[in-house]
Each structure stands twice: as structure tokens, then as C-alpha cells.
Amino acid sequence: MSNKNACNSQSGNAVYGLGLIGAAVFYISQATTFWMGVLGFLKALVWPAFLVYEALRYIYL
């Protein structure tokens, strides 16, 4: 087993974690009601899907 793979996995997790925190702060700060804040937190959990969708939409449209 190589340590190189473990290092890459940990750095990817760190980037995802920071993105999760940043997305949660952004979405929750934009919320006008409690339930919009809950929805914002759920959106923050899947922010990479939004990123890929928008990138592909921009590329192909």
C-alpha cells in the first residue's frame, strides 16, 4: 500500500470540508427563513454536484 494515495485522499477531504463550510455559511447567510436555512445546509452537503452541473451547462450550452 502506498502512502501517496493516502495523502491524496486526505487533501481531497480537506478541500471538500472547506468547501462544505464555505457553502454552508453562504447558503445559510442568504436564507430568509429557518427552513430556507435548513435547505441551504442540505445544498451545502451536495455543492460539488451543483458545481459540476453548472460547469457542464456552461461548456455545452
PDB file of N, CA and C in Angstrom:
ATOM      1  N   MET A   1       0.849  -1.182   0.000  1.00  0.00           N
ATOM      2  CA  MET A   1       0.000   0.000   0.000  1.00  0.00           C
ATOM      3  C   MET A   1       0.891   1.240   0.000  1.00  0.00           C
ATOM      4  N   SER A   2       0.571   2.192  -0.816  1.00  0.00           N
ATOM      5  CA  SER A   2       1.387   3.386  -0.965  1.00  0.00           C
ATOM      6  C   SER A   2       0.849   4.529  -0.109  1.00  0.00           C
ATOM      7  N   ASN A   3       1.764   5.293   0.460  1.00  0.00           N
ATOM      8  CA  ASN A   3       1.359   6.460   1.243  1.00  0.00           C
ATOM      9  C   ASN A   3       0.891   7.602   0.348  1.00  0.00           C
ATOM     10  N   LYS A   4       1.297   7.574  -0.916  1.00  0.00           N
ATOM     11  CA  LYS A   4       0.897   8.628  -1.841  1.00  0.00           C
ATOM     12  C   LYS A   4      -0.623   8.677  -1.993  1.00  0.00           C
ATOM     13  N   ASN A   5      -1.279   7.542  -2.090  1.00  0.00           N
ATOM     14  CA  ASN A   5      -2.739   7.507  -2.213  1.00  0.00           C
ATOM     15  C   ASN A   5      -3.416   8.040  -0.959  1.00  0.00           C
ATOM     16  N   ALA A   6      -2.880   7.719   0.197  1.00  0.00           N
ATOM     17  CA  ALA A   6      -3.457   8.203   1.449  1.00  0.00           C
ATOM     18  C   ALA A   6      -3.341   9.711   1.538  1.00  0.00           C
ATOM     19  N   CYS A   7      -2.230  10.267   1.100  1.00  0.00           N
ATOM     20  CA  CYS A   7      -2.024  11.717   1.131  1.00  0.00           C
ATOM     21  C   CYS A   7      -3.007  12.415   0.193  1.00  0.00           C
ATOM     22  N   ASN A   8      -3.195  11.881  -0.995  1.00  0.00           N
ATOM     23  CA  ASN A   8      -4.127  12.487  -1.939  1.00  0.00           C
ATOM     24  C   ASN A   8      -5.553  12.451  -1.407  1.00  0.00           C
ATOM     25  N   SER A   9      -5.912  11.370  -0.756  1.00  0.00           N
ATOM     26  CA  SER A   9      -7.254  11.248  -0.207  1.00  0.00           C
ATOM     27  C   SER A   9      -7.482  12.265   0.904  1.00  0.00           C
ATOM     28  N   GLN A  10      -6.496  12.456   1.746  1.00  0.00           N
ATOM     29  CA  GLN A  10      -6.649  13.395   2.855  1.00  0.00           C
ATOM     30  C   GLN A  10      -6.740  14.830   2.367  1.00  0.00           C
ATOM     31  N   SER A  11      -5.960  15.182   1.363  1.00  0.00           N
ATOM     32  CA  SER A  11      -6.031  16.554   0.866  1.00  0.00           C
ATOM     33  C   SER A  11      -7.359  16.803   0.154  1.00  0.00           C
ATOM     34  N   GLY A  12      -7.877  15.793  -0.534  1.00  0.00           N
ATOM     35  CA  GLY A  12      -9.189  15.933  -1.157  1.00  0.00           C
ATOM     36  C   GLY A  12     -10.282  16.101  -0.125  1.00  0.00           C
ATOM     37  N   ASN A  13     -10.185  15.375   0.966  1.00  0.00           N
ATOM     38  CA  ASN A  13     -11.167  15.515   2.039  1.00  0.00           C
ATOM     39  C   ASN A  13     -11.105  16.903   2.665  1.00  0.00           C
ATOM     40  N   ALA A  14      -9.898  17.454   2.792  1.00  0.00           N
ATOM     41  CA  ALA A  14      -9.744  18.789   3.367  1.00  0.00           C
ATOM     42  C   ALA A  14     -10.384  19.835   2.461  1.00  0.00           C
ATOM     43  N   VAL A  15     -10.178  19.712   1.158  1.00  0.00           N
ATOM     44  CA  VAL A  15     -10.774  20.661   0.212  1.00  0.00           C
ATOM     45  C   VAL A  15     -12.295  20.558   0.261  1.00  0.00           C
ATOM     46  N   TYR A  16     -12.816  19.336   0.283  1.00  0.00           N
ATOM     47  CA  TYR A  16     -14.271  19.158   0.371  1.00  0.00           C
ATOM     48  C   TYR A  16     -14.802  19.742   1.676  1.00  0.00           C
ATOM     49  N   GLY A  17     -14.090  19.521   2.771  1.00  0.00           N
ATOM     50  CA  GLY A  17     -14.518  20.045   4.069  1.00  0.00           C
ATOM     51  C   GLY A  17     -14.564  21.561   4.098  1.00  0.00           C
ATOM     52  N   LEU A  18     -13.530  22.198   3.556  1.00  0.00           N
ATOM     53  CA  LEU A  18     -13.529  23.657   3.499  1.00  0.00           C
ATOM     54  C   LEU A  18     -14.632  24.169   2.578  1.00  0.00           C
ATOM     55  N   GLY A  19     -14.847  23.467   1.477  1.00  0.00           N
ATOM     56  CA  GLY A  19     -15.936  23.850   0.577  1.00  0.00           C
ATOM     57  C   GLY A  19     -17.285  23.698   1.245  1.00  0.00           C
ATOM     58  N   LEU A  20     -17.449  22.644   2.021  1.00  0.00           N
ATOM     59  CA  LEU A  20     -18.700  22.419   2.751  1.00  0.00           C
ATOM     60  C   LEU A  20     -18.968  23.554   3.729  1.00  0.00           C
ATOM     61  N   ILE A  21     -17.959  23.937   4.477  1.00  0.00           N
ATOM     62  CA  ILE A  21     -18.121  25.026   5.448  1.00  0.00           C
ATOM     63  C   ILE A  21     -18.444  26.335   4.731  1.00  0.00           C
ATOM     64  N   GLY A  22     -17.696  26.627   3.667  1.00  0.00           N
ATOM     65  CA  GLY A  22     -17.936  27.863   2.926  1.00  0.00           C
ATOM     66  C   GLY A  22     -19.323  27.900   2.303  1.00  0.00           C
ATOM     67  N   ALA A  23     -19.741  26.784   1.719  1.00  0.00           N
ATOM     68  CA  ALA A  23     -21.068  26.726   1.103  1.00  0.00           C
ATOM     69  C   ALA A  23     -22.153  26.859   2.164  1.00  0.00           C
ATOM     70  N   ALA A  24     -21.964  26.221   3.314  1.00  0.00           N
ATOM     71  CA  ALA A  24     -22.962  26.317   4.377  1.00  0.00           C
ATOM     72  C   ALA A  24     -23.097  27.753   4.866  1.00  0.00           C
ATOM     73  N   VAL A  25     -21.978  28.429   5.066  1.00  0.00           N
ATOM     74  CA  VAL A  25     -22.026  29.827   5.500  1.00  0.00           C
ATOM     75  C   VAL A  25     -22.730  30.679   4.452  1.00  0.00           C
ATOM     76  N   PHE A  26     -22.393  30.473   3.188  1.00  0.00           N
ATOM     77  CA  PHE A  26     -23.013  31.266   2.124  1.00  0.00           C
ATOM     78  C   PHE A  26     -24.518  31.029   2.058  1.00  0.00           C
ATOM     79  N   TYR A  27     -24.930  29.766   1.943  1.00  0.00           N
ATOM     80  CA  TYR A  27     -26.351  29.465   1.784  1.00  0.00           C
ATOM     81  C   TYR A  27     -27.164  29.875   3.007  1.00  0.00           C
ATOM     82  N   ILE A  28     -26.634  29.648   4.193  1.00  0.00           N
ATOM     83  CA  ILE A  28     -27.380  29.984   5.400  1.00  0.00           C
ATOM     84  C   ILE A  28     -27.470  31.503   5.567  1.00  0.00           C
ATOM     85  N   SER A  29     -26.404  32.226   5.198  1.00  0.00           N
ATOM     86  CA  SER A  29     -26.454  33.679   5.322  1.00  0.00           C
ATOM     87  C   SER A  29     -27.441  34.299   4.338  1.00  0.00           C
ATOM     88  N   GLN A  30     -27.726  33.619   3.235  1.00  0.00           N
ATOM     89  CA  GLN A  30     -28.682  34.115   2.245  1.00  0.00           C
ATOM     90  C   GLN A  30     -30.116  33.740   2.588  1.00  0.00           C
ATOM     91  N   ALA A  31     -30.305  32.867   3.568  1.00  0.00           N
ATOM     92  CA  ALA A  31     -31.641  32.372   3.915  1.00  0.00           C
ATOM     93  C   ALA A  31     -32.464  33.455   4.598  1.00  0.00           C
ATOM     94  N   THR A  32     -33.738  33.506   4.262  1.00  0.00           N
ATOM     95  CA  THR A  32     -34.635  34.482   4.875  1.00  0.00           C
ATOM     96  C   THR A  32     -35.516  33.859   5.954  1.00  0.00           C
ATOM     97  N   THR A  33     -35.652  32.527   5.945  1.00  0.00           N
ATOM     98  CA  THR A  33     -36.441  31.833   6.962  1.00  0.00           C
ATOM     99  C   THR A  33     -35.636  30.648   7.485  1.00  0.00           C
ATOM    100  N   PHE A  34     -36.130  30.078   8.566  1.00  0.00           N
ATOM    101  CA  PHE A  34     -35.455  28.919   9.146  1.00  0.00           C
ATOM    102  C   PHE A  34     -35.376  27.767   8.156  1.00  0.00           C
ATOM    103  N   TRP A  35     -36.476  27.493   7.464  1.00  0.00           N
ATOM    104  CA  TRP A  35     -36.497  26.355   6.548  1.00  0.00           C
ATOM    105  C   TRP A  35     -35.628  26.584   5.319  1.00  0.00           C
ATOM    106  N   MET A  36     -35.482  27.830   4.922  1.00  0.00           N
ATOM    107  CA  MET A  36     -34.546  28.128   3.835  1.00  0.00           C
ATOM    108  C   MET A  36     -33.111  27.898   4.311  1.00  0.00           C
ATOM    109  N   GLY A  37     -32.856  28.146   5.589  1.00  0.00           N
ATOM    110  CA  GLY A  37     -31.541  27.847   6.161  1.00  0.00           C
ATOM    111  C   GLY A  37     -31.274  26.355   6.193  1.00  0.00           C
ATOM    112  N   VAL A  38     -32.292  25.570   6.524  1.00  0.00           N
ATOM    113  CA  VAL A  38     -32.159  24.109   6.502  1.00  0.00           C
ATOM    114  C   VAL A  38     -31.886  23.634   5.080  1.00  0.00           C
ATOM    115  N   LEU A  39     -32.636  24.173   4.135  1.00  0.00           N
ATOM    116  CA  LEU A  39     -32.408  23.833   2.734  1.00  0.00           C
ATOM    117  C   LEU A  39     -30.997  24.250   2.298  1.00  0.00           C
ATOM    118  N   GLY A  40     -30.551  25.398   2.765  1.00  0.00           N
ATOM    119  CA  GLY A  40     -29.202  25.849   2.458  1.00  0.00           C
ATOM    120  C   GLY A  40     -28.148  24.895   2.973  1.00  0.00           C
ATOM    121  N   PHE A  41     -28.347  24.370   4.172  1.00  0.00           N
ATOM    122  CA  PHE A  41     -27.390  23.393   4.717  1.00  0.00           C
ATOM    123  C   PHE A  41     -27.392  22.122   3.881  1.00  0.00           C
ATOM    124  N   LEU A  42     -28.559  21.673   3.468  1.00  0.00           N
ATOM    125  CA  LEU A  42     -28.627  20.475   2.624  1.00  0.00           C
ATOM    126  C   LEU A  42     -27.961  20.717   1.274  1.00  0.00           C
ATOM    127  N   LYS A  43     -28.132  21.906   0.736  1.00  0.00           N
ATOM    128  CA  LYS A  43     -27.461  22.244  -0.519  1.00  0.00           C
ATOM    129  C   LYS A  43     -25.956  22.264  -0.333  1.00  0.00           C
ATOM    130  N   ALA A  44     -25.510  22.705   0.830  1.00  0.00           N
ATOM    131  CA  ALA A  44     -24.071  22.751   1.109  1.00  0.00           C
ATOM    132  C   ALA A  44     -23.465  21.349   1.134  1.00  0.00           C
ATOM    133  N   LEU A  45     -24.259  20.354   1.502  1.00  0.00           N
ATOM    134  CA  LEU A  45     -23.749  18.982   1.528  1.00  0.00           C
ATOM    135  C   LEU A  45     -23.460  18.454   0.130  1.00  0.00           C
ATOM    136  N   VAL A  46     -24.177  18.949  -0.868  1.00  0.00           N
ATOM    137  CA  VAL A  46     -24.019  18.442  -2.234  1.00  0.00           C
ATOM    138  C   VAL A  46     -23.495  19.514  -3.188  1.00  0.00           C
ATOM    139  N   TRP A  47     -22.748  20.493  -2.678  1.00  0.00           N
ATOM    140  CA  TRP A  47     -22.263  21.575  -3.523  1.00  0.00           C
ATOM    141  C   TRP A  47     -21.427  21.100  -4.706  1.00  0.00           C
ATOM    142  N   PRO A  48     -20.657  20.005  -4.627  1.00  0.00           N
ATOM    143  CA  PRO A  48     -19.909  19.600  -5.825  1.00  0.00           C
ATOM    144  C   PRO A  48     -20.830  19.239  -6.997  1.00  0.00           C
ATOM    145  N   ALA A  49     -21.993  18.704  -6.708  1.00  0.00           N
ATOM    146  CA  ALA A  49     -22.930  18.376  -7.788  1.00  0.00           C
ATOM    147  C   ALA A  49     -23.392  19.649  -8.488  1.00  0.00           C
ATOM    148  N   PHE A  50     -23.674  20.709  -7.747  1.00  0.00           N
ATOM    149  CA  PHE A  50     -24.053  21.983  -8.351  1.00  0.00           C
ATOM    150  C   PHE A  50     -22.904  22.540  -9.182  1.00  0.00           C
ATOM    151  N   LEU A  51     -21.689  22.432  -8.675  1.00  0.00           N
ATOM    152  CA  LEU A  51     -20.515  22.938  -9.385  1.00  0.00           C
ATOM    153  C   LEU A  51     -20.327  22.226 -10.721  1.00  0.00           C
ATOM    154  N   VAL A  52     -20.389  20.913 -10.712  1.00  0.00           N
ATOM    155  CA  VAL A  52     -20.219  20.144 -11.938  1.00  0.00           C
ATOM    156  C   VAL A  52     -21.355  20.415 -12.906  1.00  0.00           C
ATOM    157  N   TYR A  53     -22.578  20.487 -12.414  1.00  0.00           N
ATOM    158  CA  TYR A  53     -23.728  20.758 -13.283  1.00  0.00           C
ATOM    159  C   TYR A  53     -23.572  22.110 -13.988  1.00  0.00           C
ATOM    160  N   GLU A  54     -23.237  23.140 -13.228  1.00  0.00           N
ATOM    161  CA  GLU A  54     -23.093  24.470 -13.822  1.00  0.00           C
ATOM    162  C   GLU A  54     -21.920  24.517 -14.789  1.00  0.00           C
ATOM    163  N   ALA A  55     -20.831  23.837 -14.469  1.00  0.00           N
ATOM    164  CA  ALA A  55     -19.672  23.811 -15.365  1.00  0.00           C
ATOM    165  C   ALA A  55     -20.020  23.125 -16.677  1.00  0.00           C
ATOM    166  N   LEU A  56     -20.703  22.009 -16.606  1.00  0.00           N
ATOM    167  CA  LEU A  56     -21.087  21.298 -17.820  1.00  0.00           C
ATOM    168  C   LEU A  56     -22.123  22.081 -18.615  1.00  0.00           C
ATOM    169  N   ARG A  57     -23.019  22.736 -17.926  1.00  0.00           N
ATOM    170  CA  ARG A  57     -24.018  23.549 -18.616  1.00  0.00           C
ATOM    171  C   ARG A  57     -23.341  24.709 -19.357  1.00  0.00           C
ATOM    172  N   TYR A  58     -22.348  25.310 -18.730  1.00  0.00           N
ATOM    173  CA  TYR A  58     -21.621  26.404 -19.358  1.00  0.00           C
ATOM    174  C   TYR A  58     -20.827  25.925 -20.563  1.00  0.00           C
ATOM    175  N   ILE A  59     -20.226  24.752 -20.459  1.00  0.00           N
ATOM    176  CA  ILE A  59     -19.388  24.226 -21.528  1.00  0.00           C
ATOM    177  C   ILE A  59     -20.239  23.829 -22.734  1.00  0.00           C
ATOM    178  N   TYR A  60     -21.366  23.169 -22.502  1.00  0.00           N
ATOM    179  CA  TYR A  60     -22.138  22.591 -23.595  1.00  0.00           C
ATOM    180  C   TYR A  60     -23.273  23.457 -24.113  1.00  0.00           C
ATOM    181  N   LEU A  61     -23.549  24.580 -23.480  1.00  0.00           N
ATOM    182  CA  LEU A  61     -24.642  25.425 -23.988  1.00  0.00           C
ATOM    183  C   LEU A  61     -24.139  26.694 -24.590  1.00  0.00           C
TER     184      LEU A  61
END
